[in-house]
Amino acid sequence: MVVSKNLIQLLKKEFSLSAEQIAWGLKQTEAMPSYLPVIFWQYGLIDTSQLDRLLDHWG
């Protein structure tokens, strides 16, 4: 799965994640890109309501 520009913009603007945090998340999930939202939540970069919202945009 390729992460779209719209999703990257959402992560930056709505969730205030930095480019470095996004790059780190992408690196952590190279083998399983679908885990990206959970990785951000697991490491405290987003909260549960943001996770739900991100999962809605993900699919």
PDB file of N, CA and C in Angstrom:
ATOM      1  N   MET A   1       0.849  -1.179   0.000  1.00  0.00           N
ATOM      2  CA  MET A   1       0.000   0.000   0.000  1.00  0.00           C
ATOM      3  C   MET A   1       0.891   1.238   0.000  1.00  0.00           C
ATOM      4  N   VAL A   2       0.575   2.149  -0.867  1.00  0.00           N
ATOM      5  CA  VAL A   2       1.306   3.406  -0.961  1.00  0.00           C
ATOM      6  C   VAL A   2       0.535   4.472  -0.188  1.00  0.00           C
ATOM      7  N   VAL A   3       1.260   5.244   0.574  1.00  0.00           N
ATOM      8  CA  VAL A   3       0.632   6.312   1.348  1.00  0.00           C
ATOM      9  C   VAL A   3       0.432   7.510   0.424  1.00  0.00           C
ATOM     10  N   SER A   4      -0.800   7.971   0.321  1.00  0.00           N
ATOM     11  CA  SER A   4      -1.133   9.066  -0.593  1.00  0.00           C
ATOM     12  C   SER A   4      -0.687  10.417  -0.029  1.00  0.00           C
ATOM     13  N   LYS A   5      -0.589  11.376  -0.920  1.00  0.00           N
ATOM     14  CA  LYS A   5      -0.248  12.742  -0.497  1.00  0.00           C
ATOM     15  C   LYS A   5      -1.325  13.304   0.416  1.00  0.00           C
ATOM     16  N   ASN A   6      -2.584  12.964   0.139  1.00  0.00           N
ATOM     17  CA  ASN A   6      -3.681  13.436   0.988  1.00  0.00           C
ATOM     18  C   ASN A   6      -3.530  12.917   2.414  1.00  0.00           C
ATOM     19  N   LEU A   7      -3.126  11.670   2.547  1.00  0.00           N
ATOM     20  CA  LEU A   7      -2.935  11.101   3.880  1.00  0.00           C
ATOM     21  C   LEU A   7      -1.755  11.761   4.586  1.00  0.00           C
ATOM     22  N   ILE A   8      -0.687  12.011   3.862  1.00  0.00           N
ATOM     23  CA  ILE A   8       0.472  12.701   4.447  1.00  0.00           C
ATOM     24  C   ILE A   8       0.064  14.090   4.921  1.00  0.00           C
ATOM     25  N   GLN A   9      -0.719  14.798   4.111  1.00  0.00           N
ATOM     26  CA  GLN A   9      -1.181  16.133   4.511  1.00  0.00           C
ATOM     27  C   GLN A   9      -2.057  16.054   5.757  1.00  0.00           C
ATOM     28  N   LEU A  10      -2.920  15.052   5.831  1.00  0.00           N
ATOM     29  CA  LEU A  10      -3.756  14.865   7.012  1.00  0.00           C
ATOM     30  C   LEU A  10      -2.889  14.656   8.246  1.00  0.00           C
ATOM     31  N   LEU A  11      -1.882  13.807   8.124  1.00  0.00           N
ATOM     32  CA  LEU A  11      -0.993  13.535   9.251  1.00  0.00           C
ATOM     33  C   LEU A  11      -0.269  14.804   9.705  1.00  0.00           C
ATOM     34  N   LYS A  12       0.146  15.619   8.765  1.00  0.00           N
ATOM     35  CA  LYS A  12       0.871  16.849   9.093  1.00  0.00           C
ATOM     36  C   LYS A  12      -0.055  17.931   9.647  1.00  0.00           C
ATOM     37  N   LYS A  13      -1.136  18.211   8.936  1.00  0.00           N
ATOM     38  CA  LYS A  13      -1.981  19.356   9.290  1.00  0.00           C
ATOM     39  C   LYS A  13      -2.963  19.055  10.410  1.00  0.00           C
ATOM     40  N   GLU A  14      -3.639  17.938  10.346  1.00  0.00           N
ATOM     41  CA  GLU A  14      -4.689  17.645  11.322  1.00  0.00           C
ATOM     42  C   GLU A  14      -4.145  16.993  12.591  1.00  0.00           C
ATOM     43  N   PHE A  15      -3.089  16.196  12.436  1.00  0.00           N
ATOM     44  CA  PHE A  15      -2.543  15.474  13.589  1.00  0.00           C
ATOM     45  C   PHE A  15      -1.224  16.050  14.074  1.00  0.00           C
ATOM     46  N   SER A  16      -0.730  17.072  13.384  1.00  0.00           N
ATOM     47  CA  SER A  16       0.507  17.786  13.756  1.00  0.00           C
ATOM     48  C   SER A  16       1.728  16.873  13.860  1.00  0.00           C
ATOM     49  N   LEU A  17       1.797  15.881  12.990  1.00  0.00           N
ATOM     50  CA  LEU A  17       2.990  15.033  12.957  1.00  0.00           C
ATOM     51  C   LEU A  17       4.025  15.690  12.050  1.00  0.00           C
ATOM     52  N   SER A  18       5.268  15.619  12.450  1.00  0.00           N
ATOM     53  CA  SER A  18       6.344  16.200  11.646  1.00  0.00           C
ATOM     54  C   SER A  18       6.712  15.244  10.505  1.00  0.00           C
ATOM     55  N   ALA A  19       7.427  15.774   9.537  1.00  0.00           N
ATOM     56  CA  ALA A  19       7.908  14.942   8.429  1.00  0.00           C
ATOM     57  C   ALA A  19       8.798  13.825   8.961  1.00  0.00           C
ATOM     58  N   GLU A  20       9.566  14.118  10.002  1.00  0.00           N
ATOM     59  CA  GLU A  20      10.447  13.107  10.590  1.00  0.00           C
ATOM     60  C   GLU A  20       9.644  11.988  11.255  1.00  0.00           C
ATOM     61  N   GLN A  21       8.579  12.345  11.956  1.00  0.00           N
ATOM     62  CA  GLN A  21       7.733  11.333  12.590  1.00  0.00           C
ATOM     63  C   GLN A  21       7.056  10.456  11.539  1.00  0.00           C
ATOM     64  N   ILE A  22       6.589  11.070  10.468  1.00  0.00           N
ATOM     65  CA  ILE A  22       5.943  10.310   9.405  1.00  0.00           C
ATOM     66  C   ILE A  22       6.956   9.377   8.739  1.00  0.00           C
ATOM     67  N   ALA A  23       8.141   9.893   8.454  1.00  0.00           N
ATOM     68  CA  ALA A  23       9.188   9.062   7.847  1.00  0.00           C
ATOM     69  C   ALA A  23       9.558   7.902   8.760  1.00  0.00           C
ATOM     70  N   TRP A  24       9.645   8.162  10.064  1.00  0.00           N
ATOM     71  CA  TRP A  24       9.941   7.103  11.033  1.00  0.00           C
ATOM     72  C   TRP A  24       8.850   6.026  10.993  1.00  0.00           C
ATOM     73  N   GLY A  25       7.591   6.454  10.993  1.00  0.00           N
ATOM     74  CA  GLY A  25       6.475   5.508  10.942  1.00  0.00           C
ATOM     75  C   GLY A  25       6.501   4.675   9.680  1.00  0.00           C
ATOM     76  N   LEU A  26       6.794   5.315   8.560  1.00  0.00           N
ATOM     77  CA  LEU A  26       6.875   4.587   7.292  1.00  0.00           C
ATOM     78  C   LEU A  26       8.006   3.569   7.315  1.00  0.00           C
ATOM     79  N   LYS A  27       9.121   3.947   7.918  1.00  0.00           N
ATOM     80  CA  LYS A  27      10.252   3.013   8.018  1.00  0.00           C
ATOM     81  C   LYS A  27       9.892   1.821   8.905  1.00  0.00           C
ATOM     82  N   GLN A  28       9.183   2.080   9.999  1.00  0.00           N
ATOM     83  CA  GLN A  28       8.793   1.009  10.920  1.00  0.00           C
ATOM     84  C   GLN A  28       7.834   0.012  10.276  1.00  0.00           C
ATOM     85  N   THR A  29       7.103   0.466   9.270  1.00  0.00           N
ATOM     86  CA  THR A  29       6.067  -0.365   8.677  1.00  0.00           C
ATOM     87  C   THR A  29       6.365  -0.749   7.232  1.00  0.00           C
ATOM     88  N   GLU A  30       7.626  -0.733   6.846  1.00  0.00           N
ATOM     89  CA  GLU A  30       7.981  -1.066   5.462  1.00  0.00           C
ATOM     90  C   GLU A  30       7.396  -2.406   5.035  1.00  0.00           C
ATOM     91  N   ALA A  31       7.505  -3.416   5.880  1.00  0.00           N
ATOM     92  CA  ALA A  31       7.022  -4.754   5.530  1.00  0.00           C
ATOM     93  C   ALA A  31       5.501  -4.849   5.598  1.00  0.00           C
ATOM     94  N   MET A  32       4.874  -4.049   6.454  1.00  0.00           N
ATOM     95  CA  MET A  32       3.423  -4.095   6.653  1.00  0.00           C
ATOM     96  C   MET A  32       2.870  -2.674   6.712  1.00  0.00           C
ATOM     97  N   PRO A  33       2.766  -1.977   5.580  1.00  0.00           N
ATOM     98  CA  PRO A  33       2.315  -0.577   5.589  1.00  0.00           C
ATOM     99  C   PRO A  33       0.952  -0.360   6.226  1.00  0.00           C
ATOM    100  N   SER A  34       0.106  -1.358   6.227  1.00  0.00           N
ATOM    101  CA  SER A  34      -1.229  -1.176   6.808  1.00  0.00           C
ATOM    102  C   SER A  34      -1.173  -0.955   8.321  1.00  0.00           C
ATOM    103  N   TYR A  35      -0.052  -1.220   8.955  1.00  0.00           N
ATOM    104  CA  TYR A  35       0.108  -1.019  10.400  1.00  0.00           C
ATOM    105  C   TYR A  35       0.446   0.415  10.779  1.00  0.00           C
ATOM    106  N   LEU A  36       0.644   1.280   9.797  1.00  0.00           N
ATOM    107  CA  LEU A  36       1.077   2.649  10.074  1.00  0.00           C
ATOM    108  C   LEU A  36       0.200   3.372  11.099  1.00  0.00           C
ATOM    109  N   PRO A  37      -1.133   3.366  10.958  1.00  0.00           N
ATOM    110  CA  PRO A  37      -1.943   4.063  11.963  1.00  0.00           C
ATOM    111  C   PRO A  37      -1.734   3.513  13.377  1.00  0.00           C
ATOM    112  N   VAL A  38      -1.612   2.212  13.492  1.00  0.00           N
ATOM    113  CA  VAL A  38      -1.437   1.591  14.806  1.00  0.00           C
ATOM    114  C   VAL A  38      -0.072   1.929  15.394  1.00  0.00           C
ATOM    115  N   ILE A  39       0.945   1.992  14.567  1.00  0.00           N
ATOM    116  CA  ILE A  39       2.292   2.363  15.036  1.00  0.00           C
ATOM    117  C   ILE A  39       2.276   3.771  15.617  1.00  0.00           C
ATOM    118  N   PHE A  40       1.627   4.711  14.913  1.00  0.00           N
ATOM    119  CA  PHE A  40       1.547   6.075  15.441  1.00  0.00           C
ATOM    120  C   PHE A  40       0.820   6.093  16.783  1.00  0.00           C
ATOM    121  N   TRP A  41      -0.237   5.317  16.908  1.00  0.00           N
ATOM    122  CA  TRP A  41      -1.003   5.259  18.166  1.00  0.00           C
ATOM    123  C   TRP A  41      -0.179   4.560  19.259  1.00  0.00           C
ATOM    124  N   GLN A  42       0.427   3.428  18.924  1.00  0.00           N
ATOM    125  CA  GLN A  42       1.192   2.637  19.895  1.00  0.00           C
ATOM    126  C   GLN A  42       2.321   3.453  20.527  1.00  0.00           C
ATOM    127  N   TYR A  43       2.943   4.312  19.752  1.00  0.00           N
ATOM    128  CA  TYR A  43       4.060   5.111  20.264  1.00  0.00           C
ATOM    129  C   TYR A  43       3.621   6.493  20.760  1.00  0.00           C
ATOM    130  N   GLY A  44       2.314   6.689  20.895  1.00  0.00           N
ATOM    131  CA  GLY A  44       1.805   7.913  21.499  1.00  0.00           C
ATOM    132  C   GLY A  44       1.830   9.143  20.615  1.00  0.00           C
ATOM    133  N   LEU A  45       1.973   8.951  19.309  1.00  0.00           N
ATOM    134  CA  LEU A  45       2.003  10.098  18.416  1.00  0.00           C
ATOM    135  C   LEU A  45       0.600  10.584  18.063  1.00  0.00           C
ATOM    136  N   ILE A  46      -0.387   9.707  18.203  1.00  0.00           N
ATOM    137  CA  ILE A  46      -1.786  10.084  18.023  1.00  0.00           C
ATOM    138  C   ILE A  46      -2.601   9.436  19.139  1.00  0.00           C
ATOM    139  N   ASP A  47      -3.762  10.016  19.447  1.00  0.00           N
ATOM    140  CA  ASP A  47      -4.618   9.430  20.480  1.00  0.00           C
ATOM    141  C   ASP A  47      -5.665   8.510  19.829  1.00  0.00           C
ATOM    142  N   THR A  48      -6.510   7.899  20.631  1.00  0.00           N
ATOM    143  CA  THR A  48      -7.458   6.919  20.101  1.00  0.00           C
ATOM    144  C   THR A  48      -8.490   7.539  19.158  1.00  0.00           C
ATOM    145  N   SER A  49      -8.919   8.756  19.439  1.00  0.00           N
ATOM    146  CA  SER A  49      -9.878   9.381  18.523  1.00  0.00           C
ATOM    147  C   SER A  49      -9.214   9.692  17.177  1.00  0.00           C
ATOM    148  N   GLN A  50      -7.944  10.091  17.220  1.00  0.00           N
ATOM    149  CA  GLN A  50      -7.211  10.321  15.980  1.00  0.00           C
ATOM    150  C   GLN A  50      -6.980   9.001  15.242  1.00  0.00           C
ATOM    151  N   LEU A  51      -6.725   7.943  15.993  1.00  0.00           N
ATOM    152  CA  LEU A  51      -6.555   6.624  15.386  1.00  0.00           C
ATOM    153  C   LEU A  51      -7.820   6.233  14.634  1.00  0.00           C
ATOM    154  N   ASP A  52      -8.972   6.396  15.259  1.00  0.00           N
ATOM    155  CA  ASP A  52     -10.242   6.078  14.600  1.00  0.00           C
ATOM    156  C   ASP A  52     -10.410   6.893  13.312  1.00  0.00           C
ATOM    157  N   ARG A  53     -10.106   8.158  13.398  1.00  0.00           N
ATOM    158  CA  ARG A  53     -10.233   9.035  12.228  1.00  0.00           C
ATOM    159  C   ARG A  53      -9.265   8.626  11.122  1.00  0.00           C
ATOM    160  N   LEU A  54      -8.048   8.311  11.513  1.00  0.00           N
ATOM    161  CA  LEU A  54      -7.041   7.885  10.541  1.00  0.00           C
ATOM    162  C   LEU A  54      -7.452   6.563   9.889  1.00  0.00           C
ATOM    163  N   LEU A  55      -7.973   5.656  10.658  1.00  0.00           N
ATOM    164  CA  LEU A  55      -8.424   4.385  10.099  1.00  0.00           C
ATOM    165  C   LEU A  55      -9.579   4.594   9.126  1.00  0.00           C
ATOM    166  N   ASP A  56     -10.432   5.555   9.387  1.00  0.00           N
ATOM    167  CA  ASP A  56     -11.513   5.879   8.455  1.00  0.00           C
ATOM    168  C   ASP A  56     -10.959   6.363   7.107  1.00  0.00           C
ATOM    169  N   HIS A  57      -9.897   7.160   7.152  1.00  0.00           N
ATOM    170  CA  HIS A  57      -9.276   7.675   5.920  1.00  0.00           C
ATOM    171  C   HIS A  57      -8.413   6.609   5.245  1.00  0.00           C
ATOM    172  N   TRP A  58      -7.912   5.675   6.019  1.00  0.00           N
ATOM    173  CA  TRP A  58      -6.969   4.674   5.530  1.00  0.00           C
ATOM    174  C   TRP A  58      -7.613   3.757   4.499  1.00  0.00           C
ATOM    175  N   GLY A  59      -8.786   3.261   4.808  1.00  0.00           N
ATOM    176  CA  GLY A  59      -9.440   2.255   3.968  1.00  0.00           C
ATOM    177  C   GLY A  59      -9.999   2.820   2.748  1.00  0.00           C
TER     178      GLY A  59
END
